[in-house]
Protein backbone atom coordinates (compact mmCIF):
# COMPACT_ATOMS: atom_id res chain seq x y z
CA UNK A 1 21.55 -51.14 55.78
CA UNK A 2 20.86 -54.66 54.55
CA UNK A 3 21.61 -57.71 56.64
CA UNK A 4 24.97 -59.34 55.88
CA UNK A 5 23.73 -62.91 56.11
CA UNK A 6 26.97 -64.48 54.87
CA UNK A 7 29.24 -63.10 57.59
CA UNK A 8 26.60 -63.29 60.32
CA UNK A 9 25.97 -66.96 59.50
CA UNK A 10 29.68 -67.56 59.91
CA UNK A 11 29.60 -65.65 63.21
CA UNK A 12 26.65 -67.75 64.39
CA UNK A 13 28.55 -70.99 63.81
CA UNK A 14 31.65 -69.61 65.49
CA UNK A 15 29.53 -68.58 68.48
CA UNK A 16 28.29 -72.17 68.55
CA UNK A 17 31.92 -73.28 68.55
CA UNK A 18 32.76 -71.05 71.53
CA UNK A 19 29.85 -72.53 73.47
CA UNK A 20 30.82 -76.09 72.58
CA UNK A 21 34.43 -75.51 73.60
CA UNK A 22 33.54 -73.80 76.88
CA UNK A 23 31.03 -76.44 77.95
CA UNK A 24 33.30 -79.29 76.89
CA UNK A 25 36.24 -77.82 78.82
CA UNK A 26 34.24 -77.29 82.00
CA UNK A 27 32.19 -80.50 81.58
CA UNK A 28 29.27 -78.43 82.82
CA UNK A 29 26.85 -75.88 81.44
CA UNK A 30 24.09 -75.66 78.88
CA UNK A 31 24.51 -76.19 75.15
CA UNK A 32 20.89 -75.99 74.02
CA UNK A 33 19.97 -72.29 73.94
CA UNK A 34 23.33 -70.91 72.70
CA UNK A 35 23.35 -73.33 69.80
CA UNK A 36 19.65 -72.99 69.01
CA UNK A 37 19.57 -69.19 69.18
CA UNK A 38 22.91 -68.42 67.50
CA UNK A 39 21.26 -66.78 64.48
CA UNK A 40 19.14 -64.60 66.78
CA UNK A 41 22.28 -63.50 68.61
CA UNK A 42 24.04 -62.71 65.35
CA UNK A 43 21.22 -60.44 64.19
CA UNK A 44 20.81 -58.71 67.55
CA UNK A 45 24.46 -57.98 68.31
CA UNK A 46 25.68 -57.78 64.73
CA UNK A 47 22.92 -55.60 63.31
CA UNK A 48 19.81 -54.66 65.28
CA UNK A 49 20.62 -53.60 68.85
CA UNK A 50 21.76 -50.11 69.87
CA UNK A 51 24.70 -50.30 72.28
CA UNK A 52 28.20 -49.01 72.99
CA UNK A 53 30.75 -51.64 74.07
CA UNK A 54 33.03 -48.86 75.37
CA UNK A 55 30.23 -47.43 77.55
CA UNK A 56 28.22 -50.48 78.70
CA UNK A 57 26.02 -48.37 81.03
CA UNK A 58 25.12 -45.74 78.42
CA UNK A 59 21.70 -44.54 79.52
CA UNK A 60 20.07 -44.78 76.08
CA UNK A 61 21.34 -48.23 75.11
CA UNK A 62 18.96 -50.99 74.11
CA UNK A 63 18.82 -53.25 77.14
CA UNK A 64 19.13 -56.98 76.49
CA UNK A 65 18.13 -59.47 79.19
CA UNK A 66 18.81 -63.20 78.87
CA UNK A 67 15.98 -64.62 80.97
CA UNK A 68 17.03 -68.19 80.22
CA UNK A 69 20.20 -67.65 82.23
CA UNK A 70 21.20 -71.30 81.93
CA UNK A 71 22.22 -70.41 78.35
CA UNK A 72 24.82 -67.93 79.60
CA UNK A 73 27.42 -68.82 76.95
CA UNK A 74 25.04 -67.33 74.38
CA UNK A 75 25.55 -63.92 75.98
CA UNK A 76 29.26 -64.31 76.67
CA UNK A 77 30.03 -65.28 73.08
CA UNK A 78 28.24 -62.26 71.63
CA UNK A 79 29.61 -59.80 74.18
CA UNK A 80 33.11 -61.04 73.34
CA UNK A 81 32.64 -60.72 69.58
CA UNK A 82 30.97 -57.32 69.93
CA UNK A 83 33.98 -55.74 71.56
CA UNK A 84 33.01 -55.57 75.21
CA UNK A 85 35.75 -55.97 77.81
CA UNK A 86 35.33 -59.73 77.84
CA UNK A 87 38.51 -61.23 76.37
CA UNK A 88 38.89 -64.77 75.11
CA UNK A 89 40.81 -65.60 78.29
CA UNK A 90 37.53 -65.15 80.20
CA UNK A 91 35.60 -67.32 77.73
CA UNK A 92 38.17 -70.02 78.50
CA UNK A 93 37.44 -69.60 82.23
CA UNK A 94 33.73 -70.38 81.82
CA UNK A 95 32.15 -71.50 85.11
CA UNK A 96 35.40 -71.02 87.04
CA UNK A 97 35.55 -69.24 90.39
CA UNK A 98 35.96 -65.45 90.11
CA UNK A 99 35.72 -65.46 86.30
CA UNK A 100 33.63 -62.95 84.35
CA UNK A 101 31.79 -65.90 82.78
CA UNK A 102 29.88 -67.65 85.59
CA UNK A 103 27.46 -70.48 84.89
CA UNK A 104 24.50 -68.10 85.16
CA UNK A 105 24.80 -64.37 84.39
CA UNK A 106 25.55 -62.29 87.47
CA UNK A 107 25.08 -58.51 87.36
CA UNK A 108 28.27 -56.61 88.10
CA UNK A 109 30.63 -59.38 87.05
CA UNK A 110 30.44 -59.06 83.27
CA UNK A 111 30.52 -55.87 81.15
CA UNK A 112 27.34 -55.58 79.09
CA UNK A 113 25.32 -57.88 81.32
CA UNK A 114 22.13 -56.19 82.53
CA UNK A 115 20.81 -58.38 85.35
CA UNK A 116 21.34 -61.61 87.21
CA UNK A 117 19.25 -64.46 85.80
CA UNK A 118 18.86 -68.10 86.65
CA UNK A 119 15.55 -68.67 88.45
CA UNK A 120 13.15 -69.16 85.56
CA UNK A 121 10.78 -66.26 84.89
CA UNK A 122 12.78 -63.70 86.85
CA UNK A 123 14.42 -62.27 83.74
CA UNK A 124 10.94 -61.66 82.33
CA UNK A 125 10.01 -59.80 85.49
CA UNK A 126 13.25 -57.81 85.45
CA UNK A 127 12.62 -56.81 81.84
CA UNK A 128 9.20 -55.45 82.70
CA UNK A 129 10.67 -53.45 85.58
CA UNK A 130 13.44 -52.06 83.38
CA UNK A 131 10.88 -51.12 80.73
CA UNK A 132 8.87 -49.23 83.34
CA UNK A 133 12.02 -47.36 84.40
CA UNK A 134 12.92 -46.34 80.84
CA UNK A 135 9.35 -45.24 80.14
CA UNK A 136 9.37 -43.09 83.28
CA UNK A 137 12.71 -41.54 82.32
CA UNK A 138 11.46 -40.75 78.82
CA UNK A 139 8.28 -39.14 80.19
CA UNK A 140 10.27 -37.01 82.59
CA UNK A 141 13.20 -35.89 80.45
CA UNK A 142 12.25 -36.05 76.76
CA UNK A 143 11.07 -32.83 75.09
CA UNK A 144 9.74 -32.00 71.65
CA UNK A 145 13.20 -30.69 70.74
CA UNK A 146 15.37 -33.31 72.39
CA UNK A 147 14.62 -37.03 72.64
CA UNK A 148 17.10 -38.46 75.15
CA UNK A 149 15.44 -41.81 75.84
CA UNK A 150 14.15 -43.91 72.97
CA UNK A 151 15.61 -47.34 73.69
CA UNK A 152 14.01 -50.76 73.70
CA UNK A 153 14.14 -53.47 76.33
CA UNK A 154 14.69 -56.87 74.69
CA UNK A 155 14.26 -60.12 76.60
CA UNK A 156 15.15 -63.59 75.29
CA UNK A 157 13.03 -66.08 77.23
CA UNK A 158 12.58 -69.84 77.14
CA UNK A 159 9.75 -72.36 77.41
CA UNK A 160 10.60 -72.75 81.08
CA UNK A 161 10.39 -68.99 81.65
CA UNK A 162 6.96 -68.77 80.08
CA UNK A 163 5.66 -71.58 82.32
CA UNK A 164 6.44 -69.61 85.48
CA UNK A 165 3.80 -67.71 87.41
CA UNK A 166 6.05 -64.71 87.96
CA UNK A 167 6.43 -64.34 84.18
CA UNK A 168 2.65 -64.48 83.70
CA UNK A 169 2.04 -61.81 86.32
CA UNK A 170 4.77 -59.57 84.92
CA UNK A 171 3.49 -59.93 81.35
CA UNK A 172 -0.07 -59.12 82.38
CA UNK A 173 1.19 -55.95 84.06
CA UNK A 174 3.34 -55.00 81.06
CA UNK A 175 0.32 -55.14 78.76
CA UNK A 176 -1.91 -53.35 81.28
CA UNK A 177 0.58 -50.49 81.47
CA UNK A 178 1.14 -50.41 77.70
CA UNK A 179 4.91 -50.91 77.72
CA UNK A 180 5.42 -50.69 73.97
CA UNK A 181 9.22 -50.42 74.18
CA UNK A 182 9.34 -53.98 75.53
CA UNK A 183 10.12 -56.84 73.12
CA UNK A 184 10.07 -60.48 74.21
CA UNK A 185 11.77 -63.06 72.00
CA UNK A 186 10.34 -66.44 72.95
CA UNK A 187 12.81 -69.22 72.16
CA UNK A 188 10.12 -71.78 71.42
CA UNK A 189 12.04 -75.03 71.00
CA UNK A 190 9.38 -77.34 72.51
CA UNK A 191 11.83 -78.71 75.10
CA UNK A 192 12.10 -78.30 78.86
CA UNK A 193 14.70 -79.61 81.30
CA UNK A 194 13.67 -83.26 81.49
CA UNK A 195 11.26 -83.85 78.62
CA UNK A 196 9.51 -82.44 75.61
CA UNK A 197 7.38 -79.42 76.54
CA UNK A 198 4.24 -81.24 75.41
CA UNK A 199 4.55 -83.47 78.47
CA UNK A 200 3.74 -80.56 80.78
CA UNK A 201 1.86 -77.97 78.70
CA UNK A 202 -0.72 -77.81 75.95
CA UNK A 203 -1.63 -74.11 75.98
CA UNK A 204 -1.20 -71.77 73.03
CA UNK A 205 1.29 -69.31 74.51
CA UNK A 206 0.82 -66.81 71.70
CA UNK A 207 -2.92 -66.60 72.30
CA UNK A 208 -2.30 -66.20 76.01
CA UNK A 209 -0.03 -63.24 75.34
CA UNK A 210 -2.57 -61.75 72.95
CA UNK A 211 -5.19 -62.08 75.65
CA UNK A 212 -2.95 -60.09 78.00
CA UNK A 213 -2.68 -57.37 75.34
CA UNK A 214 0.55 -58.11 73.48
CA UNK A 215 1.16 -57.90 69.75
CA UNK A 216 2.32 -61.37 68.69
CA UNK A 217 4.38 -62.48 65.68
CA UNK A 218 5.48 -66.04 64.89
CA UNK A 219 8.60 -66.86 62.88
CA UNK A 220 11.33 -69.41 62.22
CA UNK A 221 14.00 -68.21 64.62
CA UNK A 222 16.93 -69.57 62.64
CA UNK A 223 15.94 -67.58 59.53
CA UNK A 224 17.93 -64.40 60.11
CA UNK A 225 16.07 -62.20 57.64
CA UNK A 226 12.71 -63.38 58.93
CA UNK A 227 13.79 -62.65 62.49
CA UNK A 228 15.11 -59.19 61.61
CA UNK A 229 11.90 -58.29 59.78
CA UNK A 230 9.83 -59.28 62.82
CA UNK A 231 12.16 -57.45 65.18
CA UNK A 232 11.96 -54.28 63.08
CA UNK A 233 8.17 -54.46 63.08
CA UNK A 234 8.24 -54.80 66.87
CA UNK A 235 10.56 -51.80 67.22
CA UNK A 236 8.48 -49.59 64.94
CA UNK A 237 5.18 -50.26 66.67
CA UNK A 238 4.30 -47.45 69.05
CA UNK A 239 0.79 -48.59 69.81
CA UNK A 240 0.61 -49.04 73.57
CA UNK A 241 1.27 -52.79 73.35
CA UNK A 242 4.35 -54.78 74.35
CA UNK A 243 5.69 -57.08 71.65
CA UNK A 244 6.06 -60.86 71.64
CA UNK A 245 8.00 -62.71 68.93
CA UNK A 246 7.58 -66.50 68.94
CA UNK A 247 10.83 -67.78 67.42
CA UNK A 248 10.76 -71.49 66.66
CA UNK A 249 14.28 -72.90 67.06
CA UNK A 250 16.06 -76.25 67.19
CA UNK A 251 17.59 -76.67 70.64
CA UNK A 252 21.23 -77.79 70.48
CA UNK A 253 21.44 -77.14 66.72
CA UNK A 254 24.70 -78.47 65.34
CA UNK A 255 25.05 -81.57 67.53
CA UNK A 256 22.91 -84.21 65.77
CA UNK A 257 23.05 -86.65 68.68
CA UNK A 258 21.13 -84.30 70.99
CA UNK A 259 19.56 -81.52 68.91
CA UNK A 260 15.82 -81.20 69.24
CA UNK A 261 15.73 -83.24 72.46
CA UNK A 262 15.85 -82.57 76.20
CA UNK A 263 19.37 -84.04 76.18
CA UNK A 264 20.52 -80.74 74.67
CA UNK A 265 19.33 -79.01 77.85
CA UNK A 266 22.66 -79.36 79.61
CA UNK A 267 26.13 -80.70 78.87
CA UNK A 268 25.17 -84.15 77.53
CA UNK A 269 26.26 -83.16 74.02
CA UNK A 270 29.78 -82.23 75.13
CA UNK A 271 31.18 -85.66 74.20
CA UNK A 272 30.07 -85.13 70.59
CA UNK A 273 31.61 -81.66 70.23
CA UNK A 274 34.69 -82.58 68.18
CA UNK A 275 32.63 -84.12 65.38
CA UNK A 276 30.05 -81.34 65.58
CA UNK A 277 32.69 -78.63 65.21
CA UNK A 278 34.01 -80.30 62.07
CA UNK A 279 30.51 -80.57 60.61
CA UNK A 280 30.07 -76.83 61.15
CA UNK A 281 33.25 -76.16 59.19
CA UNK A 282 35.22 -75.00 62.22
CA UNK A 283 38.99 -75.65 62.33
CA UNK A 284 40.75 -77.90 64.82
CA UNK A 285 41.75 -74.80 66.81
CA UNK A 286 39.44 -74.40 69.79
CA UNK A 287 37.95 -71.07 70.87
CA UNK A 288 38.18 -69.94 67.26
CA UNK A 289 36.85 -66.67 65.85
CA UNK A 290 37.97 -65.80 62.34
CA UNK A 291 39.59 -62.50 61.40
CA UNK A 292 36.76 -61.58 59.03
CA UNK A 293 34.18 -62.03 61.81
CA UNK A 294 36.23 -59.91 64.20
CA UNK A 295 36.65 -57.33 61.42
CA UNK A 296 32.90 -57.25 60.77
CA UNK A 297 32.13 -56.56 64.42
CA UNK A 298 34.89 -53.94 64.58
CA UNK A 299 33.27 -52.11 61.65
CA UNK A 300 29.85 -52.50 63.23
CA UNK A 301 31.24 -51.02 66.42
CA UNK A 302 32.34 -47.93 64.49
CA UNK A 303 28.77 -47.43 63.32
CA UNK A 304 27.47 -47.89 66.85
CA UNK A 305 29.97 -45.33 68.17
CA UNK A 306 28.95 -42.85 65.47
CA UNK A 307 25.31 -43.24 66.55
CA UNK A 308 26.40 -42.79 70.17
CA UNK A 309 28.33 -39.62 69.33
CA UNK A 310 25.27 -38.15 67.61
CA UNK A 311 23.23 -38.91 70.71
CA UNK A 312 25.91 -37.23 72.86
CA UNK A 313 25.54 -34.06 70.77
CA UNK A 314 21.79 -34.06 71.37
CA UNK A 315 22.33 -34.72 75.06
CA UNK A 316 24.84 -31.88 75.27
CA UNK A 317 22.31 -29.42 73.87
CA UNK A 318 19.73 -30.23 76.56
């Protein structure tokens, strides 16, 4: 099935709008990653990932980890649109006590959320551990007649994640063990918390990952077709190597006053949200998702459920 770029582009901008509204309302949070990676989210949740919103803990789902947990509204927006039990009322309670949308993702609070992230690099480590677990399950339970486990573990990580020692150690182990169902998407926006990344690093991260034993691709992360093509290549490779996609993005895309700068790494752009929403073509109504976007994800959910039901038939024959 071909990528519906028109509707997914609309969904990406509406996901940006949800993030802007939530951060503006709470006067706290992080605008940069959700705005910069909106196209990546649209492709993953609207086309490429295997999941079941009605059964979030389905054992053969693709497992998505947001290592850059500061960008939590990225995940909440896409879980909401995808049909998980995360209603708009919870999006409106972003960063409020006892909500399902805390400032950093917390496992157990939010349907569809795979692990708690916040400390940089820990999501990378969690992803490696999850990949090991799925590989062990596949080795133990798959047969020539019945393949029960064939999922991928997908981790969206940031510049800050890749600077951390724990991420380096985990990646070295992932390559050493040949975890070829593991796909890292590196949100390479050249910005860290307080400055441009060039102020603290000059390494070639792609070459470092190749040295560990990863397959590496490099793309423009806001080109949806380019990202999907790279993601499909990563999924198809069964060569004993984990996969690393360097996706160059513009942090805070959609708010000209802060995009591309460290000021997008936080809530500094919140005061410019009203003008930014208009420039994106969003209506005056806040927390807006259009009917055609909801309809697209509802149809996509039907496809996902059909795939799930076929898997259930295989599982039932085991």
